[in-house]
Amino acid sequence: MTSSLSKARTVNLAFTGASGALYGLRLLQCLVAAGCRVNVMISKAAQIVIATETDLKLPGTPPAMQKTLSEYASAEPGQVLVFGREDAGLTNEELALADVLTGVPMVADYPSLNLGQSVMVYCYQLASLMQQSAPAAAAADHHQLQALRLRTMALLSRLGVEDDAKLADWLSQRLGLLQQRDTAMLHRLLHDIEKNLPE
């Protein structure tokens, strides 16, 4: 992403399925031309309306849709993001294409946010993070992170919670975000826990 794009204004654009898809697509082009980053949400109904009212045929998957809309609007890489599918979520193959997987922490046992709400939370957090200048910190060593992952999974097994997929996924994602100092501290904490557990 270019430095000018990283400071660009982010606009959320939702296609709901109402008529007038051509105006929404023209708005997408204008926002891209103005240098905005555009987060796009398209409902199933909107896909049908766009196909009916325009010559644009959108593919069914978010990554392919993002590519099509980026080409349509002559966008830079990363300037147009497509969020979806609300009806069935993303497939494992689509998730594998992601550079980073994120989630919205929820208190409820069965959390539920619709796609629009999730995108609003994501954009709010992203905007606040982009305004902060992070101090330069030493990145954790790849081998140290791998050792930490293995050690954490072994500890989960000793505690009898290795089948908690939600916890294991959360740990796996978060460990990759740690800096060198955090990794060292977590190794130390795990050591203290391990030595106090019965054999």
N, C-alpha and C. Protein backbone atom coordinates (compact mmCIF):
# COMPACT_ATOMS: atom_id res chain seq x y z
N MET A 1 0.83 -1.17 0.00
CA MET A 1 0.00 0.00 0.00
C MET A 1 0.88 1.24 0.00
N THR A 2 0.54 2.19 -0.79
CA THR A 2 1.35 3.40 -0.84
C THR A 2 1.13 4.23 0.40
N SER A 3 2.09 5.11 0.69
CA SER A 3 1.94 5.92 1.90
C SER A 3 0.75 6.86 1.81
N SER A 4 0.46 7.36 0.60
CA SER A 4 -0.70 8.24 0.47
C SER A 4 -2.00 7.48 0.73
N LEU A 5 -2.02 6.20 0.34
CA LEU A 5 -3.22 5.39 0.56
C LEU A 5 -3.38 5.06 2.04
N SER A 6 -2.28 4.87 2.74
CA SER A 6 -2.39 4.54 4.16
C SER A 6 -2.96 5.71 4.97
N LYS A 7 -2.87 6.93 4.44
CA LYS A 7 -3.44 8.09 5.12
C LYS A 7 -4.77 8.52 4.51
N ALA A 8 -5.26 7.76 3.54
CA ALA A 8 -6.49 8.12 2.84
C ALA A 8 -7.70 7.99 3.74
N ARG A 9 -8.71 8.77 3.42
CA ARG A 9 -9.98 8.67 4.13
C ARG A 9 -10.67 7.37 3.75
N THR A 10 -11.25 6.70 4.72
CA THR A 10 -11.95 5.45 4.47
C THR A 10 -13.45 5.71 4.42
N VAL A 11 -14.09 5.18 3.39
CA VAL A 11 -15.53 5.34 3.21
C VAL A 11 -16.15 3.95 3.11
N ASN A 12 -17.24 3.74 3.84
CA ASN A 12 -17.99 2.49 3.76
C ASN A 12 -19.12 2.66 2.77
N LEU A 13 -19.18 1.76 1.79
CA LEU A 13 -20.19 1.84 0.74
C LEU A 13 -20.98 0.54 0.74
N ALA A 14 -22.29 0.63 0.97
CA ALA A 14 -23.14 -0.57 1.03
C ALA A 14 -24.13 -0.57 -0.13
N PHE A 15 -24.19 -1.70 -0.82
CA PHE A 15 -25.19 -1.92 -1.87
C PHE A 15 -26.23 -2.85 -1.26
N THR A 16 -27.45 -2.33 -1.07
CA THR A 16 -28.48 -3.07 -0.33
C THR A 16 -29.39 -3.91 -1.20
N GLY A 17 -29.49 -3.56 -2.46
CA GLY A 17 -30.40 -4.26 -3.34
C GLY A 17 -31.48 -3.35 -3.89
N ALA A 18 -31.50 -2.10 -3.44
CA ALA A 18 -32.44 -1.12 -4.00
C ALA A 18 -32.01 -0.79 -5.42
N SER A 19 -32.94 -0.30 -6.21
CA SER A 19 -32.58 0.06 -7.58
C SER A 19 -31.65 1.27 -7.56
N GLY A 20 -30.96 1.47 -8.67
CA GLY A 20 -30.00 2.57 -8.76
C GLY A 20 -28.57 2.11 -8.56
N ALA A 21 -28.31 0.85 -8.89
CA ALA A 21 -26.97 0.30 -8.70
C ALA A 21 -25.92 1.08 -9.49
N LEU A 22 -26.31 1.60 -10.64
CA LEU A 22 -25.37 2.35 -11.48
C LEU A 22 -24.83 3.57 -10.72
N TYR A 23 -25.68 4.21 -9.91
CA TYR A 23 -25.24 5.38 -9.13
C TYR A 23 -24.23 4.96 -8.05
N GLY A 24 -24.49 3.81 -7.43
CA GLY A 24 -23.56 3.31 -6.43
C GLY A 24 -22.21 2.96 -7.04
N LEU A 25 -22.23 2.35 -8.23
CA LEU A 25 -20.98 2.01 -8.91
C LEU A 25 -20.22 3.27 -9.35
N ARG A 26 -20.97 4.27 -9.78
CA ARG A 26 -20.33 5.54 -10.15
C ARG A 26 -19.73 6.21 -8.92
N LEU A 27 -20.42 6.12 -7.79
CA LEU A 27 -19.89 6.66 -6.54
C LEU A 27 -18.58 5.94 -6.17
N LEU A 28 -18.53 4.64 -6.35
CA LEU A 28 -17.31 3.88 -6.10
C LEU A 28 -16.17 4.43 -6.95
N GLN A 29 -16.42 4.64 -8.24
CA GLN A 29 -15.39 5.19 -9.12
C GLN A 29 -14.93 6.57 -8.65
N CYS A 30 -15.87 7.42 -8.26
CA CYS A 30 -15.52 8.77 -7.80
C CYS A 30 -14.71 8.74 -6.51
N LEU A 31 -15.09 7.87 -5.58
CA LEU A 31 -14.35 7.76 -4.32
C LEU A 31 -12.92 7.27 -4.56
N VAL A 32 -12.76 6.30 -5.45
CA VAL A 32 -11.43 5.80 -5.79
C VAL A 32 -10.61 6.89 -6.45
N ALA A 33 -11.23 7.61 -7.39
CA ALA A 33 -10.53 8.70 -8.08
C ALA A 33 -10.11 9.80 -7.10
N ALA A 34 -10.88 10.00 -6.03
CA ALA A 34 -10.55 11.01 -5.02
C ALA A 34 -9.49 10.50 -4.04
N GLY A 35 -9.05 9.25 -4.22
CA GLY A 35 -8.00 8.71 -3.36
C GLY A 35 -8.50 8.07 -2.08
N CYS A 36 -9.79 7.86 -1.97
CA CYS A 36 -10.34 7.24 -0.76
C CYS A 36 -10.11 5.73 -0.77
N ARG A 37 -10.01 5.17 0.41
CA ARG A 37 -10.05 3.73 0.56
C ARG A 37 -11.53 3.40 0.73
N VAL A 38 -12.03 2.37 0.05
CA VAL A 38 -13.46 2.08 0.07
C VAL A 38 -13.70 0.66 0.56
N ASN A 39 -14.48 0.54 1.62
CA ASN A 39 -14.92 -0.75 2.13
C ASN A 39 -16.31 -0.99 1.55
N VAL A 40 -16.46 -2.09 0.82
CA VAL A 40 -17.71 -2.36 0.11
C VAL A 40 -18.43 -3.55 0.73
N MET A 41 -19.74 -3.38 0.95
CA MET A 41 -20.60 -4.46 1.39
C MET A 41 -21.70 -4.61 0.34
N ILE A 42 -21.88 -5.82 -0.14
CA ILE A 42 -22.88 -6.06 -1.19
C ILE A 42 -23.76 -7.22 -0.77
N SER A 43 -25.06 -6.96 -0.66
CA SER A 43 -25.99 -8.03 -0.30
C SER A 43 -26.26 -8.92 -1.52
N LYS A 44 -26.83 -10.08 -1.27
CA LYS A 44 -27.21 -10.98 -2.38
C LYS A 44 -28.18 -10.28 -3.32
N ALA A 45 -29.14 -9.55 -2.72
CA ALA A 45 -30.12 -8.82 -3.55
C ALA A 45 -29.41 -7.79 -4.42
N ALA A 46 -28.40 -7.13 -3.87
CA ALA A 46 -27.67 -6.12 -4.64
C ALA A 46 -26.92 -6.75 -5.81
N GLN A 47 -26.40 -7.95 -5.61
CA GLN A 47 -25.71 -8.63 -6.72
C GLN A 47 -26.68 -8.85 -7.88
N ILE A 48 -27.90 -9.21 -7.55
CA ILE A 48 -28.92 -9.43 -8.59
C ILE A 48 -29.27 -8.11 -9.28
N VAL A 49 -29.46 -7.06 -8.49
CA VAL A 49 -29.80 -5.74 -9.05
C VAL A 49 -28.67 -5.22 -9.93
N ILE A 50 -27.43 -5.37 -9.48
CA ILE A 50 -26.29 -4.90 -10.29
C ILE A 50 -26.24 -5.66 -11.61
N ALA A 51 -26.47 -6.97 -11.57
CA ALA A 51 -26.46 -7.76 -12.80
C ALA A 51 -27.61 -7.37 -13.73
N THR A 52 -28.75 -7.00 -13.16
CA THR A 52 -29.92 -6.63 -13.95
C THR A 52 -29.79 -5.22 -14.54
N GLU A 53 -29.30 -4.28 -13.74
CA GLU A 53 -29.28 -2.88 -14.16
C GLU A 53 -28.01 -2.45 -14.90
N THR A 54 -26.96 -3.26 -14.83
CA THR A 54 -25.69 -2.89 -15.46
C THR A 54 -25.13 -4.08 -16.23
N ASP A 55 -24.01 -3.84 -16.91
CA ASP A 55 -23.33 -4.93 -17.61
C ASP A 55 -22.31 -5.64 -16.71
N LEU A 56 -22.16 -5.16 -15.48
CA LEU A 56 -21.17 -5.71 -14.57
C LEU A 56 -21.70 -6.99 -13.93
N LYS A 57 -20.95 -8.06 -14.07
CA LYS A 57 -21.31 -9.34 -13.46
C LYS A 57 -20.32 -9.60 -12.33
N LEU A 58 -20.83 -9.62 -11.11
CA LEU A 58 -19.96 -9.82 -9.96
C LEU A 58 -19.85 -11.30 -9.64
N PRO A 59 -18.62 -11.77 -9.42
CA PRO A 59 -18.45 -13.17 -9.02
C PRO A 59 -18.99 -13.37 -7.60
N GLY A 60 -19.13 -14.61 -7.18
CA GLY A 60 -19.76 -14.90 -5.90
C GLY A 60 -18.88 -14.79 -4.67
N THR A 61 -17.56 -14.84 -4.83
CA THR A 61 -16.70 -14.82 -3.64
C THR A 61 -16.15 -13.42 -3.40
N PRO A 62 -15.98 -13.04 -2.14
CA PRO A 62 -15.44 -11.71 -1.83
C PRO A 62 -14.09 -11.41 -2.49
N PRO A 63 -13.10 -12.34 -2.50
CA PRO A 63 -11.83 -12.01 -3.14
C PRO A 63 -11.99 -11.72 -4.64
N ALA A 64 -12.80 -12.53 -5.32
CA ALA A 64 -13.02 -12.31 -6.75
C ALA A 64 -13.82 -11.04 -6.99
N MET A 65 -14.78 -10.76 -6.11
CA MET A 65 -15.58 -9.54 -6.21
C MET A 65 -14.69 -8.31 -5.99
N GLN A 66 -13.77 -8.41 -5.04
CA GLN A 66 -12.85 -7.30 -4.76
C GLN A 66 -12.00 -7.02 -6.00
N LYS A 67 -11.52 -8.06 -6.65
CA LYS A 67 -10.70 -7.90 -7.85
C LYS A 67 -11.52 -7.25 -8.97
N THR A 68 -12.74 -7.71 -9.17
CA THR A 68 -13.60 -7.17 -10.22
C THR A 68 -13.92 -5.70 -9.96
N LEU A 69 -14.30 -5.36 -8.72
CA LEU A 69 -14.63 -3.97 -8.41
C LEU A 69 -13.41 -3.06 -8.47
N SER A 70 -12.25 -3.57 -8.06
CA SER A 70 -11.02 -2.78 -8.14
C SER A 70 -10.68 -2.46 -9.59
N GLU A 71 -10.82 -3.45 -10.46
CA GLU A 71 -10.57 -3.22 -11.89
C GLU A 71 -11.61 -2.25 -12.46
N TYR A 72 -12.86 -2.43 -12.08
CA TYR A 72 -13.94 -1.58 -12.58
C TYR A 72 -13.70 -0.11 -12.21
N ALA A 73 -13.20 0.12 -10.98
CA ALA A 73 -13.00 1.49 -10.49
C ALA A 73 -11.57 1.99 -10.69
N SER A 74 -10.72 1.18 -11.34
CA SER A 74 -9.31 1.53 -11.56
C SER A 74 -8.63 1.86 -10.22
N ALA A 75 -8.82 0.99 -9.25
CA ALA A 75 -8.29 1.22 -7.91
C ALA A 75 -6.88 0.66 -7.76
N GLU A 76 -6.13 1.25 -6.84
CA GLU A 76 -4.82 0.72 -6.47
C GLU A 76 -5.05 -0.53 -5.63
N PRO A 77 -4.04 -1.41 -5.55
CA PRO A 77 -4.19 -2.59 -4.68
C PRO A 77 -4.47 -2.16 -3.24
N GLY A 78 -5.46 -2.79 -2.63
CA GLY A 78 -5.81 -2.48 -1.25
C GLY A 78 -6.72 -1.28 -1.08
N GLN A 79 -7.06 -0.60 -2.17
CA GLN A 79 -7.90 0.59 -2.05
C GLN A 79 -9.37 0.22 -1.90
N VAL A 80 -9.76 -0.92 -2.45
CA VAL A 80 -11.14 -1.39 -2.34
C VAL A 80 -11.13 -2.71 -1.60
N LEU A 81 -11.87 -2.78 -0.50
CA LEU A 81 -12.01 -4.01 0.27
C LEU A 81 -13.47 -4.46 0.19
N VAL A 82 -13.68 -5.76 0.01
CA VAL A 82 -15.04 -6.30 -0.03
C VAL A 82 -15.22 -7.19 1.19
N PHE A 83 -16.29 -6.95 1.93
CA PHE A 83 -16.61 -7.74 3.10
C PHE A 83 -17.79 -8.64 2.78
N GLY A 84 -17.73 -9.86 3.24
CA GLY A 84 -18.87 -10.72 3.00
C GLY A 84 -18.49 -12.15 3.27
N ARG A 85 -19.26 -12.89 2.98
CA ARG A 85 -20.65 -13.16 2.69
C ARG A 85 -21.42 -13.23 3.99
N GLU A 86 -22.47 -12.46 4.08
CA GLU A 86 -23.24 -12.42 5.32
C GLU A 86 -24.05 -13.69 5.51
N ASP A 87 -24.55 -14.27 4.42
CA ASP A 87 -25.46 -15.40 4.56
C ASP A 87 -24.77 -16.68 5.03
N ALA A 88 -23.52 -16.92 4.63
CA ALA A 88 -22.87 -18.18 5.00
C ALA A 88 -21.44 -18.00 5.47
N GLY A 89 -20.96 -16.77 5.58
CA GLY A 89 -19.58 -16.57 6.01
C GLY A 89 -18.60 -16.92 4.90
N LEU A 90 -17.32 -16.90 5.23
CA LEU A 90 -16.28 -17.19 4.25
C LEU A 90 -15.91 -18.67 4.30
N THR A 91 -15.52 -19.19 3.15
CA THR A 91 -15.09 -20.59 3.10
C THR A 91 -13.67 -20.70 3.66
N ASN A 92 -13.25 -21.92 3.97
CA ASN A 92 -11.88 -22.14 4.44
C ASN A 92 -10.87 -21.70 3.39
N GLU A 93 -11.18 -21.90 2.12
CA GLU A 93 -10.27 -21.50 1.04
C GLU A 93 -10.12 -19.97 1.02
N GLU A 94 -11.21 -19.25 1.22
CA GLU A 94 -11.15 -17.78 1.25
C GLU A 94 -10.39 -17.30 2.48
N LEU A 95 -10.61 -17.95 3.62
CA LEU A 95 -9.88 -17.58 4.83
C LEU A 95 -8.39 -17.82 4.66
N ALA A 96 -8.02 -18.85 3.92
CA ALA A 96 -6.60 -19.15 3.70
C ALA A 96 -5.91 -18.06 2.88
N LEU A 97 -6.66 -17.29 2.11
CA LEU A 97 -6.09 -16.20 1.31
C LEU A 97 -5.77 -14.97 2.14
N ALA A 98 -6.31 -14.90 3.34
CA ALA A 98 -6.16 -13.70 4.18
C ALA A 98 -4.75 -13.59 4.73
N ASP A 99 -4.25 -12.35 4.77
CA ASP A 99 -2.96 -12.09 5.41
C ASP A 99 -3.11 -12.08 6.92
N VAL A 100 -4.22 -11.56 7.40
CA VAL A 100 -4.48 -11.48 8.83
C VAL A 100 -5.96 -11.79 9.05
N LEU A 101 -6.25 -12.61 10.05
CA LEU A 101 -7.63 -12.89 10.44
C LEU A 101 -7.92 -12.09 11.70
N THR A 102 -9.01 -11.39 11.70
CA THR A 102 -9.37 -10.62 12.88
C THR A 102 -10.77 -11.00 13.32
N GLY A 103 -11.08 -10.64 14.52
CA GLY A 103 -12.41 -10.90 15.04
C GLY A 103 -12.81 -9.77 15.96
N VAL A 104 -14.08 -9.70 16.26
CA VAL A 104 -14.59 -8.70 17.18
C VAL A 104 -14.82 -9.41 18.51
N PRO A 105 -14.07 -9.06 19.56
CA PRO A 105 -14.27 -9.73 20.85
C PRO A 105 -15.67 -9.46 21.39
N MET A 106 -16.33 -10.52 21.81
CA MET A 106 -17.70 -10.41 22.32
C MET A 106 -17.77 -11.09 23.68
N VAL A 107 -18.68 -10.62 24.53
CA VAL A 107 -18.84 -11.19 25.85
C VAL A 107 -19.77 -12.40 25.80
N ALA A 108 -20.76 -12.36 24.95
CA ALA A 108 -21.78 -13.41 24.89
C ALA A 108 -21.17 -14.74 24.44
N ASP A 109 -21.78 -15.84 24.92
CA ASP A 109 -21.33 -17.17 24.51
C ASP A 109 -21.59 -17.41 23.02
N TYR A 110 -22.66 -16.84 22.50
CA TYR A 110 -23.01 -17.00 21.10
C TYR A 110 -23.11 -15.62 20.46
N PRO A 111 -21.96 -15.03 20.18
CA PRO A 111 -21.97 -13.66 19.66
C PRO A 111 -22.56 -13.60 18.26
N SER A 112 -23.21 -12.48 17.99
CA SER A 112 -23.79 -12.31 16.67
C SER A 112 -23.81 -10.83 16.29
N LEU A 113 -23.13 -10.52 15.23
CA LEU A 113 -23.20 -9.19 14.63
C LEU A 113 -23.47 -9.41 13.15
N ASN A 114 -24.29 -8.57 12.57
CA ASN A 114 -24.46 -8.71 11.13
C ASN A 114 -23.24 -8.11 10.43
N LEU A 115 -23.14 -8.31 9.15
CA LEU A 115 -21.96 -7.88 8.41
C LEU A 115 -21.75 -6.37 8.50
N GLY A 116 -22.81 -5.59 8.37
CA GLY A 116 -22.68 -4.13 8.43
C GLY A 116 -22.13 -3.66 9.77
N GLN A 117 -22.65 -4.25 10.87
CA GLN A 117 -22.16 -3.88 12.20
C GLN A 117 -20.69 -4.26 12.36
N SER A 118 -20.32 -5.44 11.89
CA SER A 118 -18.94 -5.90 12.00
C SER A 118 -17.99 -4.99 11.24
N VAL A 119 -18.40 -4.58 10.04
CA VAL A 119 -17.55 -3.70 9.24
C VAL A 119 -17.40 -2.34 9.92
N MET A 120 -18.48 -1.83 10.52
CA MET A 120 -18.38 -0.54 11.22
C MET A 120 -17.39 -0.62 12.38
N VAL A 121 -17.45 -1.70 13.15
CA VAL A 121 -16.52 -1.86 14.27
C VAL A 121 -15.09 -1.97 13.74
N TYR A 122 -14.92 -2.77 12.69
CA TYR A 122 -13.59 -2.95 12.08
C TYR A 122 -13.03 -1.62 11.59
N CYS A 123 -13.83 -0.86 10.88
CA CYS A 123 -13.37 0.42 10.33
C CYS A 123 -13.06 1.43 11.43
N TYR A 124 -13.87 1.44 12.46
CA TYR A 124 -13.62 2.36 13.58
C TYR A 124 -12.28 2.04 14.22
N GLN A 125 -12.03 0.77 14.49
CA GLN A 125 -10.77 0.37 15.12
C GLN A 125 -9.60 0.63 14.19
N LEU A 126 -9.76 0.33 12.91
CA LEU A 126 -8.69 0.53 11.94
C LEU A 126 -8.34 2.02 11.84
N ALA A 127 -9.36 2.86 11.80
CA ALA A 127 -9.12 4.31 11.71
C ALA A 127 -8.38 4.82 12.93
N SER A 128 -8.74 4.33 14.12
CA SER A 128 -8.05 4.80 15.32
C SER A 128 -6.62 4.28 15.36
N LEU A 129 -6.38 3.07 14.86
CA LEU A 129 -5.02 2.54 14.81
C LEU A 129 -4.15 3.30 13.80
N MET A 130 -4.76 3.70 12.70
CA MET A 130 -4.00 4.41 11.67
C MET A 130 -3.59 5.80 12.14
N GLN A 131 -4.30 6.36 13.11
CA GLN A 131 -3.98 7.69 13.62
C GLN A 131 -2.86 7.65 14.65
N GLN A 132 -2.58 6.48 15.20
CA GLN A 132 -1.52 6.36 16.20
C GLN A 132 -0.21 6.03 15.51
N SER A 133 0.86 6.63 15.97
CA SER A 133 2.17 6.25 15.44
C SER A 133 2.79 5.28 16.43
N ALA A 134 3.00 4.07 15.97
CA ALA A 134 3.52 3.02 16.84
C ALA A 134 5.02 3.19 17.00
N PRO A 135 5.51 3.06 18.24
CA PRO A 135 6.95 3.13 18.44
C PRO A 135 7.61 1.90 17.82
N ALA A 136 8.81 2.08 17.33
CA ALA A 136 9.52 0.96 16.72
C ALA A 136 9.90 -0.04 17.81
N ALA A 137 9.48 -1.27 17.65
CA ALA A 137 9.81 -2.32 18.61
C ALA A 137 10.40 -3.49 17.85
N ALA A 138 11.27 -4.20 18.50
CA ALA A 138 11.91 -5.34 17.86
C ALA A 138 10.88 -6.44 17.62
N ALA A 139 10.81 -6.92 16.39
CA ALA A 139 9.88 -7.99 16.06
C ALA A 139 10.37 -9.30 16.66
N ALA A 140 9.43 -10.15 17.02
CA ALA A 140 9.79 -11.43 17.59
C ALA A 140 10.41 -12.32 16.52
N ASP A 141 11.37 -13.13 16.93
CA ASP A 141 12.03 -14.06 16.04
C ASP A 141 11.05 -15.17 15.65
N HIS A 142 11.07 -15.58 14.39
CA HIS A 142 10.16 -16.60 13.88
C HIS A 142 10.30 -17.91 14.67
N HIS A 143 11.54 -18.31 14.95
CA HIS A 143 11.76 -19.56 15.68
C HIS A 143 11.26 -19.46 17.11
N GLN A 144 11.42 -18.29 17.70
CA GLN A 144 10.95 -18.07 19.07
C GLN A 144 9.41 -18.14 19.11
N LEU A 145 8.77 -17.56 18.08
CA LEU A 145 7.31 -17.63 18.02
C LEU A 145 6.83 -19.06 17.83
N GLN A 146 7.52 -19.81 16.96
CA GLN A 146 7.13 -21.19 16.74
C GLN A 146 7.27 -22.01 18.03
N ALA A 147 8.39 -21.80 18.74
CA ALA A 147 8.59 -22.49 20.02
C ALA A 147 7.51 -22.11 21.02
N LEU A 148 7.12 -20.84 21.02
CA LEU A 148 6.08 -20.37 21.93
C LEU A 148 4.73 -21.00 21.59
N ARG A 149 4.42 -21.11 20.30
CA ARG A 149 3.17 -21.76 19.88
C ARG A 149 3.14 -23.21 20.36
N LEU A 150 4.23 -23.94 20.11
CA LEU A 150 4.29 -25.35 20.51
C LEU A 150 4.18 -25.49 22.03
N ARG A 151 4.87 -24.63 22.75
CA ARG A 151 4.84 -24.67 24.22
C ARG A 151 3.43 -24.37 24.74
N THR A 152 2.77 -23.39 24.11
CA THR A 152 1.41 -23.03 24.53
C THR A 152 0.44 -24.18 24.27
N MET A 153 0.55 -24.81 23.10
CA MET A 153 -0.35 -25.92 22.77
C MET A 153 -0.10 -27.10 23.72
N ALA A 154 1.16 -27.34 24.07
CA ALA A 154 1.48 -28.42 25.01
C ALA A 154 0.88 -28.11 26.39
N LEU A 155 0.93 -26.85 26.80
CA LEU A 155 0.35 -26.46 28.09
C LEU A 155 -1.17 -26.63 28.07
N LEU A 156 -1.80 -26.25 26.96
CA LEU A 156 -3.26 -26.45 26.84
C LEU A 156 -3.60 -27.93 26.98
N SER A 157 -2.76 -28.77 26.40
CA SER A 157 -2.97 -30.22 26.50
C SER A 157 -2.83 -30.69 27.94
N ARG A 158 -1.81 -30.20 28.64
CA ARG A 158 -1.63 -30.57 30.06
C ARG A 158 -2.80 -30.12 30.91
N LEU A 159 -3.38 -28.99 30.55
CA LEU A 159 -4.52 -28.47 31.31
C LEU A 159 -5.84 -29.13 30.90
N GLY A 160 -5.80 -29.94 29.83
CA GLY A 160 -7.00 -30.64 29.38
C GLY A 160 -7.97 -29.78 28.59
N VAL A 161 -7.48 -28.68 28.02
CA VAL A 161 -8.37 -27.81 27.24
C VAL A 161 -7.92 -27.70 25.78
N GLU A 162 -7.18 -28.71 25.31
CA GLU A 162 -6.68 -28.66 23.94
C GLU A 162 -7.79 -28.74 22.90
N ASP A 163 -8.97 -29.21 23.28
CA ASP A 163 -10.10 -29.31 22.34
C ASP A 163 -10.87 -28.00 22.21
N ASP A 164 -10.51 -26.99 22.97
CA ASP A 164 -11.17 -25.69 22.88
C ASP A 164 -10.64 -24.95 21.64
N ALA A 165 -11.29 -25.19 20.51
CA ALA A 165 -10.82 -24.64 19.24
C ALA A 165 -10.80 -23.12 19.24
N LYS A 166 -11.77 -22.52 19.89
CA LYS A 166 -11.84 -21.06 19.93
C LYS A 166 -10.61 -20.48 20.65
N LEU A 167 -10.24 -21.08 21.77
CA LEU A 167 -9.08 -20.63 22.52
C LEU A 167 -7.80 -20.87 21.73
N ALA A 168 -7.68 -22.05 21.13
CA ALA A 168 -6.48 -22.39 20.36
C ALA A 168 -6.32 -21.44 19.17
N ASP A 169 -7.41 -21.15 18.46
CA ASP A 169 -7.34 -20.22 17.32
C ASP A 169 -6.96 -18.82 17.78
N TRP A 170 -7.56 -18.38 18.89
CA TRP A 170 -7.26 -17.04 19.41
C TRP A 170 -5.78 -16.94 19.76
N LEU A 171 -5.26 -17.93 20.47
CA LEU A 171 -3.85 -17.93 20.85
C LEU A 171 -2.94 -17.94 19.62
N SER A 172 -3.27 -18.77 18.66
CA SER A 172 -2.44 -18.87 17.46
C SER A 172 -2.38 -17.54 16.72
N GLN A 173 -3.51 -16.86 16.62
CA GLN A 173 -3.55 -15.56 15.93
C GLN A 173 -2.80 -14.49 16.71
N ARG A 174 -3.03 -14.44 18.01
CA ARG A 174 -2.44 -13.37 18.83
C ARG A 174 -0.95 -13.52 19.02
N LEU A 175 -0.46 -14.76 19.10
CA LEU A 175 0.97 -14.96 19.31
C LEU A 175 1.80 -14.36 18.18
N GLY A 176 1.27 -14.40 16.96
CA GLY A 176 1.98 -13.84 15.82
C GLY A 176 2.10 -12.33 15.86
N LEU A 177 1.34 -11.67 16.73
CA LEU A 177 1.37 -10.21 16.82
C LEU A 177 2.34 -9.70 17.88
N LEU A 178 2.91 -10.62 18.64
CA LEU A 178 3.76 -10.21 19.75
C LEU A 178 5.11 -9.66 19.30
N GLN A 179 5.62 -8.72 20.06
CA GLN A 179 6.97 -8.18 19.84
C GLN A 179 7.96 -9.03 20.63
N GLN A 180 9.24 -8.81 20.40
CA GLN A 180 10.30 -9.59 21.03
C GLN A 180 10.18 -9.62 22.56
N ARG A 181 9.98 -8.46 23.16
CA ARG A 181 9.91 -8.38 24.63
C ARG A 181 8.71 -9.17 25.16
N ASP A 182 7.56 -9.06 24.48
CA ASP A 182 6.36 -9.78 24.90
C ASP A 182 6.56 -11.29 24.80
N THR A 183 7.23 -11.72 23.74
CA THR A 183 7.49 -13.15 23.55
C THR A 183 8.34 -13.69 24.69
N ALA A 184 9.39 -12.95 25.04
CA ALA A 184 10.26 -13.38 26.14
C ALA A 184 9.49 -13.45 27.45
N MET A 185 8.64 -12.47 27.72
CA MET A 185 7.85 -12.47 28.96
C MET A 185 6.86 -13.64 28.98
N LEU A 186 6.26 -13.94 27.85
CA LEU A 186 5.31 -15.05 27.80
C LEU A 186 6.02 -16.38 28.00
N HIS A 187 7.23 -16.54 27.43
CA HIS A 187 8.02 -17.75 27.69
C HIS A 187 8.27 -17.90 29.19
N ARG A 188 8.60 -16.81 29.83
CA ARG A 188 8.88 -16.82 31.27
C ARG A 188 7.62 -17.22 32.07
N LEU A 189 6.48 -16.63 31.69
CA LEU A 189 5.22 -16.97 32.35
C LEU A 189 4.88 -18.44 32.18
N LEU A 190 5.03 -18.95 30.94
CA LEU A 190 4.73 -20.36 30.69
C LEU A 190 5.65 -21.26 31.53
N HIS A 191 6.91 -20.87 31.64
CA HIS A 191 7.85 -21.64 32.46
C HIS A 191 7.37 -21.72 33.91
N ASP A 192 6.95 -20.57 34.45
CA ASP A 192 6.47 -20.53 35.84
C ASP A 192 5.22 -21.39 36.02
N ILE A 193 4.33 -21.36 35.05
CA ILE A 193 3.10 -22.18 35.13
C ILE A 193 3.46 -23.66 35.06
N GLU A 194 4.34 -24.01 34.11
CA GLU A 194 4.71 -25.43 33.91
C GLU A 194 5.36 -26.01 35.16
N LYS A 195 6.25 -25.24 35.80
CA LYS A 195 6.95 -25.81 36.97
C LYS A 195 6.02 -25.95 38.18
N ASN A 196 4.88 -25.23 38.20
CA ASN A 196 3.93 -25.34 39.31
C ASN A 196 2.77 -26.31 39.05
N LEU A 197 2.75 -26.89 37.86
CA LEU A 197 1.72 -27.89 37.55
C LEU A 197 2.18 -29.26 38.02
N PRO A 198 1.26 -30.07 38.57
CA PRO A 198 1.66 -31.44 38.94
C PRO A 198 2.00 -32.24 37.67
N GLU A 199 2.95 -33.13 37.82
CA GLU A 199 3.37 -33.95 36.66
C GLU A 199 2.33 -34.91 36.22
